[in-house]
Amino acid sequence: MQKVIIPIQFFDALKKHQPIYRLMWIEWLSQGEKVLDPRFCENLRYDKVPREKITECYAIGLDYLREGISFFDDEGKPKKEATKPSRVDITPIAIEIVEYLNKKANTQYKPKSGTTIQLISGRLSEGFTKEDFLKVIDNKVEHWKNTEQEQYLRPITLFSKSKFESYLNQPRNGTKKSTSSIDQVRNAVKEAKSKLFD
């Protein structure tokens, strides 16, 4: 059985978050060095934990592990010197993608957010390009802006492994999907206000 030494700061830091984070990391760390692979969390599923929470938990924990972690074999010999997970590079491409999202969706997401970088890096490693990200943003802004779905114009929804490709291949026909009656009322109120106060 492989043994692992984890910096105490790791679990101290996780105390600031939900208890489920500590439980998931205890389970993940039992799998040894695999946990340091950036693709590790892509196939994890839990019945009552949303995908976004799993990704967030992984990104947060990985940041805390940067203090150093050591793995030992069955005889207690170090497999590696204090391994530090490689930091995901914040590439100019990732920064451009987040800035484009912020501009198009009128949001303020940080390009250096661990979860956002993890999502973008994951899709880039699967062979998607910067242009693919921009197209997904354009598609979803076109369909969701000024609707109830506008709240989902965020990296964790747009760039998730499970939805990214379907959003990319969604046709852009220049027309929005039909809006709900609540959205129609909201839009009418906005339009009336702009006419009154202009």
Protein backbone atom coordinates (compact mmCIF):
# COMPACT_ATOMS: atom_id res chain seq x y z
CA MET A 1 0.00 0.00 0.00
CA GLN A 2 1.34 3.38 -1.00
CA LYS A 3 1.81 5.93 1.77
CA VAL A 4 1.59 9.67 1.45
CA ILE A 5 2.70 12.60 3.58
CA ILE A 6 0.53 15.69 3.19
CA PRO A 7 1.40 19.13 4.56
CA ILE A 8 -0.77 19.95 7.59
CA GLN A 9 -1.58 23.29 5.97
CA PHE A 10 -3.53 21.37 3.33
CA PHE A 11 -6.22 20.15 5.75
CA ASP A 12 -6.11 23.38 7.76
CA ALA A 13 -6.84 25.33 4.59
CA LEU A 14 -9.65 22.97 3.55
CA LYS A 15 -11.37 23.61 6.91
CA LYS A 16 -12.38 26.99 5.49
CA HIS A 17 -14.54 25.18 2.94
CA GLN A 18 -17.43 22.74 3.10
CA PRO A 19 -16.82 19.45 4.97
CA ILE A 20 -17.47 17.50 1.75
CA TYR A 21 -14.23 18.97 0.33
CA ARG A 22 -12.13 17.28 3.01
CA LEU A 23 -13.97 13.98 2.52
CA MET A 24 -13.48 14.01 -1.24
CA TRP A 25 -9.78 14.82 -0.89
CA ILE A 26 -9.24 12.03 1.64
CA GLU A 27 -10.72 9.61 -0.90
CA TRP A 28 -8.73 11.09 -3.80
CA LEU A 29 -5.42 11.04 -1.95
CA SER A 30 -5.84 7.30 -1.40
CA GLN A 31 -5.29 6.92 -5.15
CA GLY A 32 -1.70 8.14 -4.89
CA GLU A 33 0.12 10.19 -7.48
CA LYS A 34 -2.76 10.01 -9.95
CA VAL A 35 -4.40 12.82 -8.00
CA LEU A 36 -1.79 15.27 -9.31
CA ASP A 37 -2.72 14.66 -12.95
CA PRO A 38 -4.76 17.70 -14.14
CA ARG A 39 -7.19 15.32 -15.87
CA PHE A 40 -7.83 13.41 -12.63
CA CYS A 41 -11.10 15.11 -11.73
CA GLU A 42 -12.66 15.03 -15.20
CA ASN A 43 -14.30 11.61 -14.73
CA LEU A 44 -15.21 11.88 -11.05
CA ARG A 45 -18.92 11.59 -10.31
CA TYR A 46 -20.85 11.76 -7.06
CA ASP A 47 -24.61 11.30 -6.87
CA LYS A 48 -25.38 14.31 -4.72
CA VAL A 49 -22.47 16.62 -5.57
CA PRO A 50 -22.81 18.88 -8.64
CA ARG A 51 -20.03 18.66 -11.22
CA GLU A 52 -19.13 22.30 -10.62
CA LYS A 53 -18.48 21.60 -6.91
CA ILE A 54 -16.21 18.66 -7.74
CA THR A 55 -14.15 20.79 -10.14
CA GLU A 56 -13.98 23.65 -7.65
CA CYS A 57 -12.97 21.31 -4.81
CA TYR A 58 -10.22 19.78 -6.93
CA ALA A 59 -8.83 23.16 -8.02
CA ILE A 60 -8.85 24.53 -4.48
CA GLY A 61 -7.21 21.42 -3.02
CA LEU A 62 -4.56 21.32 -5.72
CA ASP A 63 -3.62 24.89 -4.93
CA TYR A 64 -3.19 23.99 -1.26
CA LEU A 65 -1.06 20.95 -2.12
CA ARG A 66 1.52 23.17 -3.74
CA GLU A 67 3.24 23.33 -0.35
CA GLY A 68 4.63 19.88 -1.17
CA ILE A 69 3.49 16.30 -0.94
CA SER A 70 5.56 13.11 -0.62
CA PHE A 71 4.71 9.58 -1.73
CA PHE A 72 6.24 6.42 -0.27
CA ASP A 73 6.24 2.84 -1.54
CA ASP A 74 5.21 -0.29 0.41
CA GLU A 75 8.56 -0.43 2.22
CA GLY A 76 8.35 3.20 3.32
CA LYS A 77 10.94 4.44 0.84
CA PRO A 78 10.26 7.79 -0.83
CA LYS A 79 9.00 7.38 -4.38
CA LYS A 80 9.84 10.98 -5.15
CA GLU A 81 11.21 13.93 -3.33
CA ALA A 82 8.51 16.32 -2.17
CA THR A 83 6.45 16.50 -5.31
CA LYS A 84 4.81 19.75 -6.14
CA PRO A 85 1.93 19.63 -8.57
CA SER A 86 2.75 21.59 -11.66
CA ARG A 87 0.96 24.90 -11.69
CA VAL A 88 -1.34 25.34 -14.64
CA ASP A 89 0.17 28.10 -16.75
CA ILE A 90 -2.02 31.11 -17.21
CA THR A 91 -1.52 31.41 -20.91
CA PRO A 92 -2.33 34.47 -22.96
CA ILE A 93 -5.01 32.33 -24.64
CA ALA A 94 -6.81 31.75 -21.33
CA ILE A 95 -6.64 35.42 -20.46
CA GLU A 96 -8.03 36.38 -23.89
CA ILE A 97 -10.88 33.88 -23.49
CA VAL A 98 -11.93 35.19 -20.07
CA GLU A 99 -11.63 38.82 -21.18
CA TYR A 100 -13.77 38.03 -24.23
CA LEU A 101 -16.41 36.40 -22.01
CA ASN A 102 -16.40 39.39 -19.67
CA LYS A 103 -16.83 41.80 -22.58
CA LYS A 104 -19.59 39.84 -24.34
CA ALA A 105 -21.56 38.80 -21.24
CA ASN A 106 -20.83 41.93 -19.18
CA THR A 107 -19.25 39.86 -16.40
CA GLN A 108 -16.12 40.23 -14.29
CA TYR A 109 -14.53 36.79 -14.07
CA LYS A 110 -10.87 36.68 -13.08
CA PRO A 111 -8.55 35.04 -15.64
CA LYS A 112 -6.38 33.72 -12.78
CA SER A 113 -9.16 31.79 -11.02
CA GLY A 114 -8.00 28.20 -10.45
CA THR A 115 -11.30 26.67 -11.52
CA THR A 116 -11.52 28.77 -14.69
CA ILE A 117 -7.93 28.00 -15.69
CA GLN A 118 -8.52 24.30 -15.00
CA LEU A 119 -11.59 24.27 -17.26
CA ILE A 120 -9.87 26.13 -20.09
CA SER A 121 -6.72 23.99 -19.84
CA GLY A 122 -8.83 20.85 -19.87
CA ARG A 123 -10.59 21.78 -23.10
CA LEU A 124 -7.35 22.99 -24.72
CA SER A 125 -5.69 19.66 -23.84
CA GLU A 126 -8.57 17.90 -25.63
CA GLY A 127 -7.66 19.74 -28.84
CA PHE A 128 -10.14 22.61 -28.76
CA THR A 129 -8.84 26.01 -29.85
CA LYS A 130 -9.21 29.62 -28.72
CA GLU A 131 -11.63 30.15 -31.60
CA ASP A 132 -13.79 27.29 -30.27
CA PHE A 133 -14.07 29.06 -26.91
CA LEU A 134 -15.01 32.34 -28.59
CA LYS A 135 -17.67 30.57 -30.65
CA VAL A 136 -19.16 28.93 -27.53
CA ILE A 137 -19.28 32.33 -25.83
CA ASP A 138 -20.92 33.92 -28.88
CA ASN A 139 -23.46 31.08 -29.19
CA LYS A 140 -24.52 31.16 -25.56
CA VAL A 141 -24.57 34.97 -25.28
CA GLU A 142 -26.82 35.02 -28.34
CA HIS A 143 -29.18 32.46 -26.82
CA TRP A 144 -29.07 33.43 -23.13
CA LYS A 145 -28.49 37.19 -22.90
CA ASN A 146 -31.56 38.93 -21.38
CA THR A 147 -33.20 35.62 -20.45
CA GLU A 148 -33.40 33.62 -17.22
CA GLN A 149 -30.42 31.62 -18.49
CA GLU A 150 -28.16 34.69 -18.49
CA GLN A 151 -26.93 33.68 -15.02
CA TYR A 152 -25.24 30.67 -16.64
CA LEU A 153 -22.95 32.80 -18.80
CA ARG A 154 -20.04 31.75 -16.60
CA PRO A 155 -16.89 29.67 -17.13
CA ILE A 156 -18.00 26.70 -15.04
CA THR A 157 -21.07 26.23 -17.25
CA LEU A 158 -19.70 27.25 -20.64
CA PHE A 159 -16.36 25.44 -20.46
CA SER A 160 -17.35 22.23 -18.64
CA LYS A 161 -16.29 18.97 -20.24
CA SER A 162 -19.85 17.66 -20.36
CA LYS A 163 -21.34 20.62 -22.27
CA PHE A 164 -18.58 22.44 -24.13
CA GLU A 165 -18.75 20.45 -27.36
CA SER A 166 -22.55 20.61 -27.59
CA TYR A 167 -22.44 24.39 -27.04
CA LEU A 168 -19.75 24.65 -29.71
CA ASN A 169 -21.87 22.77 -32.25
CA GLN A 170 -25.08 24.60 -31.47
CA PRO A 171 -26.25 26.43 -34.60
CA ARG A 172 -26.28 30.22 -34.60
CA ASN A 173 -29.24 31.33 -36.59
CA GLY A 174 -29.43 34.93 -35.48
CA THR A 175 -32.61 34.42 -33.50
CA LYS A 176 -32.92 33.83 -29.82
CA LYS A 177 -34.89 30.94 -28.44
CA SER A 178 -38.35 31.95 -27.30
CA THR A 179 -38.19 33.79 -24.02
CA SER A 180 -40.39 33.04 -21.05
CA SER A 181 -43.24 35.38 -20.18
CA ILE A 182 -41.23 36.64 -17.18
CA ASP A 183 -38.34 37.52 -19.49
CA GLN A 184 -40.72 39.22 -21.90
CA VAL A 185 -42.10 41.36 -19.06
CA ARG A 186 -38.58 42.19 -17.87
CA ASN A 187 -37.55 43.19 -21.39
CA ALA A 188 -40.66 45.34 -21.80
CA VAL A 189 -39.96 47.10 -18.49
CA LYS A 190 -36.33 47.72 -19.48
CA GLU A 191 -37.40 49.11 -22.83
CA ALA A 192 -40.04 51.35 -21.24
CA LYS A 193 -37.52 52.67 -18.70
CA SER A 194 -34.98 53.44 -21.40
CA LYS A 195 -37.61 55.39 -23.42
CA LEU A 196 -38.75 57.32 -20.35
CA PHE A 197 -35.30 58.27 -19.10
CA ASP A 198 -33.47 58.91 -22.38
